[in-house]
Amino acid sequence: MEITSATAQATAVTQPSSSASISSDFDTFLKMLTTQLQNQDPLNPVDSADYAVQLATFSSVEQQTLTNQKLDTLAGLMGVQGMTQLAPWVGQEARSTAPVYMDGTPVTLSPNPKTGADSAILVVKDQSGTTVARETVPVQSATYSWTGHDITGANLPNGTYSLSLESYSDGVQIANEAIENYARIQEVQSGTTGPRLILKGGVSLAADQITALRNAS
C-alpha cells in the first residue's frame, strides 16, 4: 500500500468534530503514524523528519485550539462582569441617538443645532424610513419635549421612530444630524460584542453609545 493512500485514509477519519475531541484525535493521529510505518514501501521509506513535522503540526493545532477555548471562557467571564457593572444603570435614563419608542408619553430630546443656525426642524421617520412628522424646534441646547404628533397633528401610532435635526441658516440647510434623546434603561443583556442595554420599547444599544445618564423622573 502506498504511503499517500494510508495518509489520506487516516486523515479522513481523524478530522476533529469539536475541540472536545482533541485527546482522542491525538491518539488517532499516533495510530495514523503507525499505519504509515507499517504500510510504507520498504525500498523507499519515509524520512523520519517528515513524521516529526506531522507530529509538530498536530501539536501546534492542539495548542491553538486549547488557547481558543481559554479565550472563549475568558470572554464569557468578561461579558458577565460587564453586565454586573452595568446593572446599576437599569432604571436610569440614558441619552443617545438610538431610535425612540413613542407610546404617547412625551420624550425628552437634547437638540444641538449647528453653530450659526437660525432655525431648526425635527424630522421623524418610522421604521420603514418614511417621514411622518416635521416639527420646528427652538434653536437652543436646552432639552425639548417631543409629544409624538404626525404632520397633521394627530398622535402617531405606538412604535419606534428615528429622529434627526435639520439646521438652517437664512433658509439654507447647513446640517442634518441625529438628535439625542433620553430613554429608560430596562435591562442589560449579554451580546456577541459585549453587554447590550435594552431601552423602553426594546430598543437595543451598546454601552459606548450612551453619552449621559440621569435619574428617571
N, C-alpha and C. Protein backbone atom coordinates (compact mmCIF):
# COMPACT_ATOMS: atom_id res chain seq x y z
N MET A 1 0.86 -1.20 0.00
CA MET A 1 0.00 0.00 0.00
C MET A 1 0.89 1.24 0.00
N GLU A 2 0.49 2.24 -0.78
CA GLU A 2 1.28 3.45 -0.84
C GLU A 2 1.06 4.29 0.40
N ILE A 3 2.09 5.05 0.78
CA ILE A 3 2.02 5.89 1.97
C ILE A 3 0.95 6.95 1.82
N THR A 4 0.88 7.56 0.62
CA THR A 4 -0.10 8.64 0.42
C THR A 4 -1.51 8.13 0.62
N SER A 5 -1.79 6.89 0.21
CA SER A 5 -3.12 6.32 0.38
C SER A 5 -3.42 6.10 1.84
N ALA A 6 -2.46 5.59 2.59
CA ALA A 6 -2.67 5.36 4.01
C ALA A 6 -2.89 6.67 4.73
N THR A 7 -2.12 7.69 4.33
CA THR A 7 -2.27 9.01 4.97
C THR A 7 -3.65 9.58 4.72
N ALA A 8 -4.13 9.51 3.48
CA ALA A 8 -5.45 10.06 3.14
C ALA A 8 -6.54 9.36 3.91
N GLN A 9 -6.44 7.98 4.01
CA GLN A 9 -7.46 7.24 4.73
C GLN A 9 -7.47 7.62 6.21
N ALA A 10 -6.28 7.74 6.79
CA ALA A 10 -6.20 8.07 8.21
C ALA A 10 -6.71 9.47 8.47
N THR A 11 -6.35 10.40 7.55
CA THR A 11 -6.77 11.79 7.73
C THR A 11 -8.28 11.92 7.65
N ALA A 12 -8.89 11.13 6.78
CA ALA A 12 -10.33 11.21 6.59
C ALA A 12 -11.09 10.87 7.84
N VAL A 13 -10.50 10.03 8.70
CA VAL A 13 -11.22 9.62 9.91
C VAL A 13 -10.75 10.37 11.13
N THR A 14 -9.79 11.28 10.97
CA THR A 14 -9.27 11.97 12.14
C THR A 14 -9.58 13.45 12.13
N GLN A 15 -10.47 13.93 11.25
CA GLN A 15 -10.87 15.33 11.29
C GLN A 15 -11.64 15.58 12.58
N PRO A 16 -11.21 16.52 13.44
CA PRO A 16 -11.87 16.75 14.72
C PRO A 16 -13.26 17.33 14.53
N SER A 17 -14.22 16.71 15.15
CA SER A 17 -15.60 17.21 15.07
C SER A 17 -15.82 18.36 16.02
N SER A 18 -15.02 18.47 17.06
CA SER A 18 -15.13 19.58 18.01
C SER A 18 -13.85 19.66 18.79
N SER A 19 -13.66 20.77 19.49
CA SER A 19 -12.45 20.94 20.29
C SER A 19 -12.38 19.94 21.43
N ALA A 20 -13.52 19.37 21.83
CA ALA A 20 -13.55 18.42 22.94
C ALA A 20 -12.92 17.09 22.56
N SER A 21 -12.71 16.86 21.25
CA SER A 21 -12.19 15.56 20.81
C SER A 21 -10.70 15.58 20.57
N ILE A 22 -9.99 16.60 21.03
CA ILE A 22 -8.56 16.71 20.76
C ILE A 22 -7.80 15.49 21.27
N SER A 23 -8.08 15.07 22.50
CA SER A 23 -7.34 13.97 23.10
C SER A 23 -7.49 12.69 22.28
N SER A 24 -8.72 12.35 21.93
CA SER A 24 -8.95 11.14 21.15
C SER A 24 -8.35 11.27 19.76
N ASP A 25 -8.39 12.47 19.19
CA ASP A 25 -7.81 12.68 17.87
C ASP A 25 -6.29 12.51 17.90
N PHE A 26 -5.69 12.92 19.02
CA PHE A 26 -4.24 12.76 19.13
C PHE A 26 -3.87 11.29 19.12
N ASP A 27 -4.66 10.47 19.83
CA ASP A 27 -4.41 9.02 19.82
C ASP A 27 -4.56 8.47 18.41
N THR A 28 -5.59 8.97 17.72
CA THR A 28 -5.81 8.51 16.35
C THR A 28 -4.67 8.93 15.45
N PHE A 29 -4.14 10.11 15.70
CA PHE A 29 -3.02 10.60 14.91
C PHE A 29 -1.80 9.68 15.07
N LEU A 30 -1.56 9.23 16.30
CA LEU A 30 -0.45 8.31 16.54
C LEU A 30 -0.69 6.99 15.81
N LYS A 31 -1.93 6.55 15.78
CA LYS A 31 -2.26 5.32 15.06
C LYS A 31 -2.01 5.52 13.56
N MET A 32 -2.29 6.75 13.10
CA MET A 32 -2.06 7.05 11.69
C MET A 32 -0.58 6.90 11.34
N LEU A 33 0.28 7.41 12.24
CA LEU A 33 1.71 7.30 12.01
C LEU A 33 2.15 5.84 11.98
N THR A 34 1.56 5.05 12.90
CA THR A 34 1.89 3.62 12.94
C THR A 34 1.46 2.95 11.65
N THR A 35 0.27 3.33 11.17
CA THR A 35 -0.23 2.76 9.91
C THR A 35 0.70 3.10 8.75
N GLN A 36 1.18 4.33 8.74
CA GLN A 36 2.10 4.74 7.69
C GLN A 36 3.39 3.91 7.74
N LEU A 37 3.90 3.69 8.95
CA LEU A 37 5.13 2.91 9.10
C LEU A 37 4.93 1.48 8.62
N GLN A 38 3.77 0.91 8.95
CA GLN A 38 3.50 -0.48 8.60
C GLN A 38 3.30 -0.67 7.11
N ASN A 39 2.80 0.37 6.43
CA ASN A 39 2.43 0.23 5.03
C ASN A 39 3.36 0.96 4.06
N GLN A 40 4.43 1.54 4.58
CA GLN A 40 5.34 2.23 3.67
C GLN A 40 6.14 1.24 2.83
N ASP A 41 6.61 1.74 1.73
CA ASP A 41 7.43 0.93 0.84
C ASP A 41 8.81 0.75 1.48
N PRO A 42 9.19 -0.48 1.80
CA PRO A 42 10.49 -0.71 2.46
C PRO A 42 11.67 -0.27 1.61
N LEU A 43 11.46 -0.22 0.29
CA LEU A 43 12.54 0.21 -0.60
C LEU A 43 12.62 1.73 -0.71
N ASN A 44 11.54 2.39 -0.20
CA ASN A 44 11.52 3.85 -0.28
C ASN A 44 10.86 4.41 0.98
N PRO A 45 11.48 4.21 2.13
CA PRO A 45 10.86 4.62 3.40
C PRO A 45 10.76 6.15 3.53
N VAL A 46 9.78 6.54 4.31
CA VAL A 46 9.59 7.97 4.54
C VAL A 46 10.63 8.46 5.52
N ASP A 47 11.15 9.62 5.25
CA ASP A 47 12.15 10.23 6.14
C ASP A 47 11.51 10.47 7.51
N SER A 48 12.23 10.09 8.56
CA SER A 48 11.70 10.27 9.92
C SER A 48 11.41 11.74 10.23
N ALA A 49 12.11 12.63 9.54
CA ALA A 49 11.86 14.07 9.76
C ALA A 49 10.45 14.45 9.36
N ASP A 50 9.90 13.75 8.34
CA ASP A 50 8.53 14.05 7.91
C ASP A 50 7.53 13.72 9.01
N TYR A 51 7.78 12.63 9.74
CA TYR A 51 6.90 12.27 10.85
C TYR A 51 6.98 13.33 11.95
N ALA A 52 8.18 13.80 12.19
CA ALA A 52 8.35 14.83 13.22
C ALA A 52 7.59 16.09 12.87
N VAL A 53 7.61 16.43 11.57
CA VAL A 53 6.88 17.62 11.12
C VAL A 53 5.38 17.44 11.33
N GLN A 54 4.88 16.24 10.97
CA GLN A 54 3.45 15.98 11.15
C GLN A 54 3.06 16.07 12.63
N LEU A 55 3.88 15.47 13.48
CA LEU A 55 3.60 15.49 14.92
C LEU A 55 3.62 16.91 15.46
N ALA A 56 4.60 17.69 15.03
CA ALA A 56 4.71 19.07 15.49
C ALA A 56 3.52 19.90 15.01
N THR A 57 3.08 19.64 13.77
CA THR A 57 1.93 20.38 13.22
C THR A 57 0.68 20.08 14.02
N PHE A 58 0.45 18.80 14.31
CA PHE A 58 -0.75 18.45 15.09
C PHE A 58 -0.68 19.05 16.48
N SER A 59 0.50 19.01 17.09
CA SER A 59 0.66 19.58 18.43
C SER A 59 0.35 21.07 18.43
N SER A 60 0.77 21.76 17.36
CA SER A 60 0.52 23.20 17.26
C SER A 60 -0.97 23.48 17.17
N VAL A 61 -1.66 22.67 16.35
CA VAL A 61 -3.12 22.84 16.22
C VAL A 61 -3.81 22.57 17.55
N GLU A 62 -3.34 21.55 18.25
CA GLU A 62 -3.91 21.21 19.56
C GLU A 62 -3.78 22.37 20.53
N GLN A 63 -2.59 22.97 20.58
CA GLN A 63 -2.35 24.08 21.50
C GLN A 63 -3.19 25.29 21.13
N GLN A 64 -3.33 25.54 19.82
CA GLN A 64 -4.13 26.69 19.38
C GLN A 64 -5.59 26.51 19.76
N THR A 65 -6.09 25.28 19.61
CA THR A 65 -7.48 25.01 19.96
C THR A 65 -7.71 25.20 21.46
N LEU A 66 -6.77 24.71 22.26
CA LEU A 66 -6.89 24.89 23.71
C LEU A 66 -6.84 26.37 24.08
N THR A 67 -5.99 27.12 23.38
CA THR A 67 -5.91 28.57 23.62
C THR A 67 -7.24 29.25 23.30
N ASN A 68 -7.84 28.85 22.18
CA ASN A 68 -9.13 29.42 21.79
C ASN A 68 -10.20 29.11 22.83
N GLN A 69 -10.15 27.90 23.39
CA GLN A 69 -11.11 27.53 24.43
C GLN A 69 -10.97 28.45 25.64
N LYS A 70 -9.71 28.70 26.02
CA LYS A 70 -9.48 29.56 27.17
C LYS A 70 -9.92 30.99 26.89
N LEU A 71 -9.70 31.46 25.67
CA LEU A 71 -10.12 32.81 25.31
C LEU A 71 -11.64 32.93 25.33
N ASP A 72 -12.33 31.88 24.84
CA ASP A 72 -13.80 31.89 24.87
C ASP A 72 -14.30 31.95 26.31
N THR A 73 -13.65 31.18 27.19
CA THR A 73 -14.05 31.19 28.60
C THR A 73 -13.83 32.56 29.21
N LEU A 74 -12.67 33.16 28.89
CA LEU A 74 -12.36 34.49 29.42
C LEU A 74 -13.35 35.53 28.90
N ALA A 75 -13.71 35.43 27.62
CA ALA A 75 -14.67 36.37 27.04
C ALA A 75 -16.02 36.25 27.74
N GLY A 76 -16.41 34.99 28.03
CA GLY A 76 -17.67 34.80 28.74
C GLY A 76 -17.67 35.42 30.12
N LEU A 77 -16.55 35.26 30.83
CA LEU A 77 -16.44 35.85 32.16
C LEU A 77 -16.46 37.37 32.10
N MET A 78 -15.80 37.93 31.09
CA MET A 78 -15.79 39.39 30.93
C MET A 78 -17.18 39.91 30.60
N GLY A 79 -17.94 39.11 29.81
CA GLY A 79 -19.30 39.52 29.48
C GLY A 79 -20.18 39.57 30.72
N VAL A 80 -20.04 38.56 31.57
CA VAL A 80 -20.81 38.54 32.82
C VAL A 80 -20.39 39.70 33.72
N GLN A 81 -19.08 39.95 33.79
CA GLN A 81 -18.60 41.05 34.61
C GLN A 81 -19.12 42.38 34.08
N GLY A 82 -19.16 42.51 32.74
CA GLY A 82 -19.67 43.75 32.15
C GLY A 82 -21.13 43.97 32.49
N MET A 83 -21.93 42.91 32.45
CA MET A 83 -23.34 43.05 32.80
C MET A 83 -23.50 43.44 34.26
N THR A 84 -22.65 42.86 35.12
CA THR A 84 -22.71 43.19 36.55
C THR A 84 -22.39 44.65 36.78
N GLN A 85 -21.41 45.17 36.06
CA GLN A 85 -21.04 46.57 36.21
C GLN A 85 -22.13 47.51 35.70
N LEU A 86 -22.87 47.08 34.67
CA LEU A 86 -23.91 47.93 34.09
C LEU A 86 -25.26 47.77 34.78
N ALA A 87 -25.40 46.77 35.63
CA ALA A 87 -26.68 46.52 36.30
C ALA A 87 -27.23 47.74 37.03
N PRO A 88 -26.38 48.55 37.71
CA PRO A 88 -26.91 49.73 38.40
C PRO A 88 -27.54 50.76 37.47
N TRP A 89 -27.28 50.64 36.17
CA TRP A 89 -27.86 51.59 35.22
C TRP A 89 -29.35 51.32 34.97
N VAL A 90 -29.77 50.10 35.24
CA VAL A 90 -31.17 49.75 35.00
C VAL A 90 -32.08 50.67 35.82
N GLY A 91 -33.07 51.24 35.17
CA GLY A 91 -33.98 52.16 35.83
C GLY A 91 -33.63 53.62 35.60
N GLN A 92 -32.39 53.89 35.16
CA GLN A 92 -32.00 55.25 34.86
C GLN A 92 -32.33 55.58 33.40
N GLU A 93 -32.23 56.86 33.06
CA GLU A 93 -32.48 57.29 31.70
C GLU A 93 -31.15 57.54 31.00
N ALA A 94 -31.01 56.95 29.82
CA ALA A 94 -29.78 57.07 29.05
C ALA A 94 -30.01 58.04 27.89
N ARG A 95 -28.99 58.85 27.61
CA ARG A 95 -29.06 59.75 26.46
C ARG A 95 -28.24 59.16 25.32
N SER A 96 -28.85 59.07 24.16
CA SER A 96 -28.17 58.52 22.99
C SER A 96 -28.91 58.96 21.73
N THR A 97 -28.37 58.57 20.59
CA THR A 97 -29.04 58.86 19.31
C THR A 97 -29.81 57.64 18.82
N ALA A 98 -30.07 56.69 19.70
CA ALA A 98 -30.82 55.48 19.32
C ALA A 98 -32.25 55.85 18.93
N PRO A 99 -32.91 54.98 18.17
CA PRO A 99 -34.32 55.23 17.86
C PRO A 99 -35.15 55.39 19.13
N VAL A 100 -36.29 56.04 18.99
CA VAL A 100 -37.16 56.37 20.12
C VAL A 100 -38.44 55.54 20.05
N TYR A 101 -38.85 55.02 21.22
CA TYR A 101 -40.14 54.35 21.27
C TYR A 101 -41.18 55.35 21.77
N MET A 102 -42.21 55.58 20.95
CA MET A 102 -43.27 56.52 21.31
C MET A 102 -44.56 55.76 21.60
N ASP A 103 -45.11 55.98 22.81
CA ASP A 103 -46.38 55.36 23.17
C ASP A 103 -47.35 56.39 23.72
N GLY A 104 -47.14 57.67 23.37
CA GLY A 104 -47.99 58.74 23.86
C GLY A 104 -47.36 59.51 25.00
N THR A 105 -46.32 58.92 25.62
CA THR A 105 -45.62 59.61 26.70
C THR A 105 -44.55 60.52 26.10
N PRO A 106 -44.53 61.80 26.46
CA PRO A 106 -43.53 62.73 25.90
C PRO A 106 -42.10 62.21 26.08
N VAL A 107 -41.28 62.43 25.07
CA VAL A 107 -39.89 62.01 25.08
C VAL A 107 -39.00 63.26 25.16
N THR A 108 -38.06 63.23 26.08
CA THR A 108 -37.15 64.37 26.23
C THR A 108 -36.03 64.28 25.21
N LEU A 109 -35.89 65.31 24.40
CA LEU A 109 -34.84 65.38 23.40
C LEU A 109 -33.76 66.36 23.84
N SER A 110 -32.58 66.15 23.32
CA SER A 110 -31.47 67.06 23.60
C SER A 110 -30.93 67.59 22.28
N PRO A 111 -31.66 68.53 21.66
CA PRO A 111 -31.22 69.03 20.35
C PRO A 111 -29.94 69.83 20.46
N ASN A 112 -29.18 69.80 19.41
CA ASN A 112 -27.93 70.55 19.36
C ASN A 112 -27.76 71.14 17.97
N PRO A 113 -28.52 72.22 17.68
CA PRO A 113 -28.46 72.82 16.34
C PRO A 113 -27.03 73.23 15.96
N LYS A 114 -26.77 73.18 14.68
CA LYS A 114 -25.45 73.55 14.18
C LYS A 114 -25.15 75.01 14.50
N THR A 115 -23.89 75.27 14.85
CA THR A 115 -23.49 76.65 15.12
C THR A 115 -23.76 77.52 13.89
N GLY A 116 -24.42 78.66 14.11
CA GLY A 116 -24.75 79.56 13.01
C GLY A 116 -26.16 79.37 12.49
N ALA A 117 -26.87 78.33 12.99
CA ALA A 117 -28.25 78.09 12.55
C ALA A 117 -29.19 79.12 13.15
N ASP A 118 -30.18 79.53 12.36
CA ASP A 118 -31.20 80.44 12.87
C ASP A 118 -32.57 79.77 12.94
N SER A 119 -32.65 78.52 12.49
CA SER A 119 -33.88 77.73 12.62
C SER A 119 -33.52 76.26 12.59
N ALA A 120 -34.41 75.45 13.16
CA ALA A 120 -34.15 74.00 13.22
C ALA A 120 -35.47 73.24 13.12
N ILE A 121 -35.42 72.10 12.47
CA ILE A 121 -36.62 71.29 12.28
C ILE A 121 -36.33 69.85 12.72
N LEU A 122 -37.20 69.33 13.56
CA LEU A 122 -37.13 67.94 13.98
C LEU A 122 -37.81 67.08 12.93
N VAL A 123 -37.10 66.07 12.43
CA VAL A 123 -37.63 65.18 11.40
C VAL A 123 -37.84 63.80 12.02
N VAL A 124 -39.04 63.28 11.87
CA VAL A 124 -39.40 61.99 12.46
C VAL A 124 -39.69 60.99 11.34
N LYS A 125 -39.03 59.82 11.40
CA LYS A 125 -39.27 58.77 10.41
C LYS A 125 -39.68 57.48 11.10
N ASP A 126 -40.57 56.75 10.45
CA ASP A 126 -40.99 55.47 11.02
C ASP A 126 -39.99 54.39 10.65
N GLN A 127 -40.29 53.15 11.01
CA GLN A 127 -39.34 52.05 10.80
C GLN A 127 -39.10 51.73 9.34
N SER A 128 -39.99 52.16 8.46
CA SER A 128 -39.80 51.94 7.02
C SER A 128 -38.99 53.05 6.38
N GLY A 129 -38.66 54.09 7.18
CA GLY A 129 -37.89 55.21 6.65
C GLY A 129 -38.74 56.33 6.10
N THR A 130 -40.05 56.23 6.26
CA THR A 130 -40.96 57.26 5.77
C THR A 130 -41.04 58.42 6.76
N THR A 131 -40.92 59.64 6.26
CA THR A 131 -41.05 60.81 7.13
C THR A 131 -42.51 60.98 7.53
N VAL A 132 -42.76 60.95 8.83
CA VAL A 132 -44.15 61.03 9.33
C VAL A 132 -44.40 62.35 10.07
N ALA A 133 -43.35 63.10 10.34
CA ALA A 133 -43.54 64.38 11.04
C ALA A 133 -42.35 65.29 10.81
N ARG A 134 -42.63 66.58 10.73
CA ARG A 134 -41.60 67.61 10.69
C ARG A 134 -42.07 68.70 11.64
N GLU A 135 -41.23 69.06 12.58
CA GLU A 135 -41.65 69.95 13.66
C GLU A 135 -40.56 70.98 13.95
N THR A 136 -40.94 72.25 13.93
CA THR A 136 -39.98 73.31 14.24
C THR A 136 -39.65 73.29 15.73
N VAL A 137 -38.36 73.35 16.04
CA VAL A 137 -37.93 73.34 17.43
C VAL A 137 -37.06 74.58 17.69
N PRO A 138 -36.96 75.01 18.93
CA PRO A 138 -36.14 76.18 19.26
C PRO A 138 -34.66 75.94 18.93
N VAL A 139 -34.00 76.99 18.50
CA VAL A 139 -32.56 76.91 18.23
C VAL A 139 -31.84 77.15 19.54
N GLN A 140 -31.73 76.09 20.31
CA GLN A 140 -31.09 76.17 21.62
C GLN A 140 -30.63 74.78 22.04
N SER A 141 -29.77 74.74 23.05
CA SER A 141 -29.26 73.45 23.51
C SER A 141 -30.09 72.87 24.66
N ALA A 142 -31.09 73.63 25.12
CA ALA A 142 -31.95 73.14 26.21
C ALA A 142 -32.76 71.94 25.73
N THR A 143 -33.19 71.11 26.66
CA THR A 143 -33.98 69.93 26.29
C THR A 143 -35.32 70.35 25.71
N TYR A 144 -35.89 69.46 24.91
CA TYR A 144 -37.15 69.72 24.23
C TYR A 144 -38.04 68.49 24.39
N SER A 145 -39.30 68.70 24.69
CA SER A 145 -40.24 67.61 24.90
C SER A 145 -41.00 67.30 23.61
N TRP A 146 -40.77 66.12 23.08
CA TRP A 146 -41.47 65.70 21.86
C TRP A 146 -42.69 64.88 22.26
N THR A 147 -43.84 65.31 21.79
CA THR A 147 -45.10 64.68 22.21
C THR A 147 -45.62 63.64 21.23
N GLY A 148 -44.97 63.47 20.08
CA GLY A 148 -45.34 62.38 19.18
C GLY A 148 -46.54 62.63 18.31
N HIS A 149 -46.55 63.75 17.61
CA HIS A 149 -47.64 64.04 16.67
C HIS A 149 -47.13 63.94 15.24
N ASP A 150 -48.01 63.54 14.33
CA ASP A 150 -47.61 63.45 12.93
C ASP A 150 -47.76 64.80 12.23
N ILE A 151 -47.61 64.81 10.92
CA ILE A 151 -47.65 66.05 10.15
C ILE A 151 -48.99 66.75 10.28
N THR A 152 -50.07 65.98 10.45
CA THR A 152 -51.41 66.56 10.56
C THR A 152 -51.75 66.99 11.98
N GLY A 153 -50.88 66.64 12.93
CA GLY A 153 -51.14 66.98 14.33
C GLY A 153 -51.75 65.84 15.11
N ALA A 154 -52.06 64.72 14.44
CA ALA A 154 -52.64 63.56 15.12
C ALA A 154 -51.54 62.78 15.83
N ASN A 155 -51.95 62.02 16.85
CA ASN A 155 -50.99 61.20 17.58
C ASN A 155 -50.43 60.09 16.69
N LEU A 156 -49.13 59.90 16.74
CA LEU A 156 -48.51 58.82 15.99
C LEU A 156 -48.84 57.47 16.64
N PRO A 157 -48.93 56.41 15.85
CA PRO A 157 -49.17 55.08 16.43
C PRO A 157 -48.00 54.69 17.33
N ASN A 158 -48.28 53.87 18.33
CA ASN A 158 -47.19 53.38 19.17
C ASN A 158 -46.17 52.64 18.31
N GLY A 159 -44.90 52.94 18.54
CA GLY A 159 -43.86 52.30 17.75
C GLY A 159 -42.53 52.99 17.92
N THR A 160 -41.54 52.50 17.16
CA THR A 160 -40.19 53.02 17.22
C THR A 160 -39.94 53.98 16.06
N TYR A 161 -39.35 55.12 16.37
CA TYR A 161 -39.10 56.15 15.36
C TYR A 161 -37.66 56.64 15.45
N SER A 162 -37.11 57.01 14.30
CA SER A 162 -35.77 57.62 14.28
C SER A 162 -35.94 59.13 14.12
N LEU A 163 -35.10 59.87 14.85
CA LEU A 163 -35.20 61.32 14.86
C LEU A 163 -33.92 61.96 14.36
N SER A 164 -34.06 63.05 13.64
CA SER A 164 -32.90 63.82 13.21
C SER A 164 -33.25 65.31 13.27
N LEU A 165 -32.21 66.13 13.25
CA LEU A 165 -32.41 67.57 13.35
C LEU A 165 -31.78 68.26 12.15
N GLU A 166 -32.61 68.98 11.40
CA GLU A 166 -32.12 69.78 10.28
C GLU A 166 -31.86 71.20 10.77
N SER A 167 -30.66 71.69 10.53
CA SER A 167 -30.30 73.06 10.92
C SER A 167 -30.26 73.93 9.67
N TYR A 168 -30.82 75.14 9.77
CA TYR A 168 -30.89 76.06 8.63
C TYR A 168 -30.29 77.41 9.01
N SER A 169 -29.70 78.04 7.99
CA SER A 169 -29.21 79.41 8.14
C SER A 169 -29.65 80.20 6.91
N ASP A 170 -30.47 81.22 7.15
CA ASP A 170 -31.04 82.02 6.04
C ASP A 170 -31.76 81.14 5.03
N GLY A 171 -32.47 80.16 5.53
CA GLY A 171 -33.26 79.29 4.67
C GLY A 171 -32.48 78.18 3.99
N VAL A 172 -31.17 78.11 4.21
CA VAL A 172 -30.33 77.08 3.60
C VAL A 172 -29.96 76.03 4.65
N GLN A 173 -30.20 74.76 4.32
CA GLN A 173 -29.87 73.71 5.27
C GLN A 173 -28.35 73.57 5.37
N ILE A 174 -27.85 73.63 6.60
CA ILE A 174 -26.41 73.53 6.82
C ILE A 174 -26.01 72.25 7.56
N ALA A 175 -27.00 71.51 8.03
CA ALA A 175 -26.68 70.25 8.72
C ALA A 175 -27.93 69.41 8.87
N ASN A 176 -27.73 68.10 8.91
CA ASN A 176 -28.81 67.15 9.20
C ASN A 176 -28.20 66.02 10.02
N GLU A 177 -28.42 66.05 11.32
CA GLU A 177 -27.76 65.13 12.23
C GLU A 177 -28.75 64.42 13.13
N ALA A 178 -28.37 63.24 13.58
CA ALA A 178 -29.20 62.50 14.54
C ALA A 178 -29.32 63.33 15.81
N ILE A 179 -30.48 63.26 16.44
CA ILE A 179 -30.72 64.04 17.64
C ILE A 179 -30.73 63.12 18.86
N GLU A 180 -30.10 63.54 19.92
CA GLU A 180 -30.05 62.72 21.13
C GLU A 180 -31.38 62.78 21.88
N ASN A 181 -31.68 61.70 22.56
CA ASN A 181 -32.92 61.61 23.33
C ASN A 181 -32.67 60.79 24.59
N TYR A 182 -33.58 60.92 25.53
CA TYR A 182 -33.49 60.16 26.78
C TYR A 182 -34.52 59.03 26.78
N ALA A 183 -34.08 57.85 27.23
CA ALA A 183 -34.98 56.71 27.35
C ALA A 183 -34.57 55.88 28.56
N ARG A 184 -35.53 55.29 29.22
CA ARG A 184 -35.26 54.50 30.42
C ARG A 184 -34.61 53.16 30.05
N ILE A 185 -33.56 52.81 30.78
CA ILE A 185 -32.91 51.51 30.60
C ILE A 185 -33.72 50.47 31.37
N GLN A 186 -34.15 49.44 30.68
CA GLN A 186 -35.00 48.42 31.29
C GLN A 186 -34.26 47.11 31.59
N GLU A 187 -33.16 46.88 30.88
CA GLU A 187 -32.50 45.59 31.04
C GLU A 187 -31.07 45.65 30.50
N VAL A 188 -30.21 44.78 31.02
CA VAL A 188 -28.87 44.59 30.49
C VAL A 188 -28.76 43.16 30.01
N GLN A 189 -28.34 42.97 28.76
CA GLN A 189 -28.24 41.63 28.19
C GLN A 189 -26.83 41.38 27.69
N SER A 190 -26.47 40.12 27.57
CA SER A 190 -25.18 39.74 27.02
C SER A 190 -25.30 39.64 25.50
N GLY A 191 -24.36 40.26 24.78
CA GLY A 191 -24.35 40.23 23.33
C GLY A 191 -23.06 39.65 22.81
N THR A 192 -22.99 39.36 21.51
CA THR A 192 -21.80 38.77 20.92
C THR A 192 -20.61 39.72 20.97
N THR A 193 -20.87 41.01 21.02
CA THR A 193 -19.79 42.00 21.07
C THR A 193 -19.69 42.67 22.43
N GLY A 194 -20.41 42.13 23.42
CA GLY A 194 -20.38 42.71 24.75
C GLY A 194 -21.78 42.96 25.26
N PRO A 195 -21.89 43.48 26.49
CA PRO A 195 -23.22 43.74 27.06
C PRO A 195 -24.02 44.72 26.23
N ARG A 196 -25.33 44.50 26.17
CA ARG A 196 -26.24 45.39 25.45
C ARG A 196 -27.25 45.94 26.44
N LEU A 197 -27.60 47.20 26.26
CA LEU A 197 -28.62 47.83 27.09
C LEU A 197 -29.94 47.85 26.33
N ILE A 198 -31.00 47.44 27.00
CA ILE A 198 -32.32 47.41 26.38
C ILE A 198 -33.13 48.58 26.93
N LEU A 199 -33.53 49.47 26.03
CA LEU A 199 -34.30 50.64 26.41
C LEU A 199 -35.79 50.39 26.27
N LYS A 200 -36.56 51.36 26.64
CA LYS A 200 -38.01 51.27 26.52
C LYS A 200 -38.40 50.92 25.09
N GLY A 201 -39.32 49.98 24.95
CA GLY A 201 -39.77 49.57 23.63
C GLY A 201 -38.89 48.54 22.98
N GLY A 202 -37.87 48.05 23.71
CA GLY A 202 -37.00 47.02 23.16
C GLY A 202 -35.84 47.54 22.34
N VAL A 203 -35.64 48.86 22.34
CA VAL A 203 -34.50 49.44 21.61
C VAL A 203 -33.21 48.96 22.26
N SER A 204 -32.28 48.43 21.45
CA SER A 204 -31.03 47.87 21.96
C SER A 204 -29.84 48.68 21.49
N LEU A 205 -28.88 48.90 22.39
CA LEU A 205 -27.66 49.62 22.03
C LEU A 205 -26.52 49.23 22.95
N ALA A 206 -25.30 49.48 22.48
CA ALA A 206 -24.12 49.18 23.28
C ALA A 206 -23.89 50.30 24.29
N ALA A 207 -23.18 49.97 25.36
CA ALA A 207 -22.94 50.94 26.42
C ALA A 207 -22.19 52.17 25.93
N ASP A 208 -21.28 51.96 24.94
CA ASP A 208 -20.48 53.10 24.47
C ASP A 208 -21.27 54.05 23.57
N GLN A 209 -22.53 53.72 23.29
CA GLN A 209 -23.38 54.62 22.52
C GLN A 209 -24.08 55.64 23.41
N ILE A 210 -23.97 55.46 24.71
CA ILE A 210 -24.62 56.36 25.66
C ILE A 210 -23.70 57.52 25.98
N THR A 211 -24.23 58.73 25.92
CA THR A 211 -23.42 59.92 26.19
C THR A 211 -23.71 60.53 27.55
N ALA A 212 -24.80 60.12 28.20
CA ALA A 212 -25.12 60.66 29.52
C ALA A 212 -26.14 59.76 30.20
N LEU A 213 -26.15 59.82 31.53
CA LEU A 213 -27.14 59.13 32.36
C LEU A 213 -27.75 60.12 33.32
N ARG A 214 -29.02 59.88 33.63
CA ARG A 214 -29.67 60.71 34.64
C ARG A 214 -30.73 59.88 35.36
N ASN A 215 -31.08 60.31 36.56
CA ASN A 215 -32.13 59.62 37.30
C ASN A 215 -33.45 59.78 36.58
N ALA A 216 -34.21 58.71 36.52
CA ALA A 216 -35.52 58.76 35.86
C ALA A 216 -36.45 59.68 36.66
N SER A 217 -37.18 60.50 35.95
CA SER A 217 -38.10 61.43 36.62
C SER A 217 -39.38 60.72 37.01
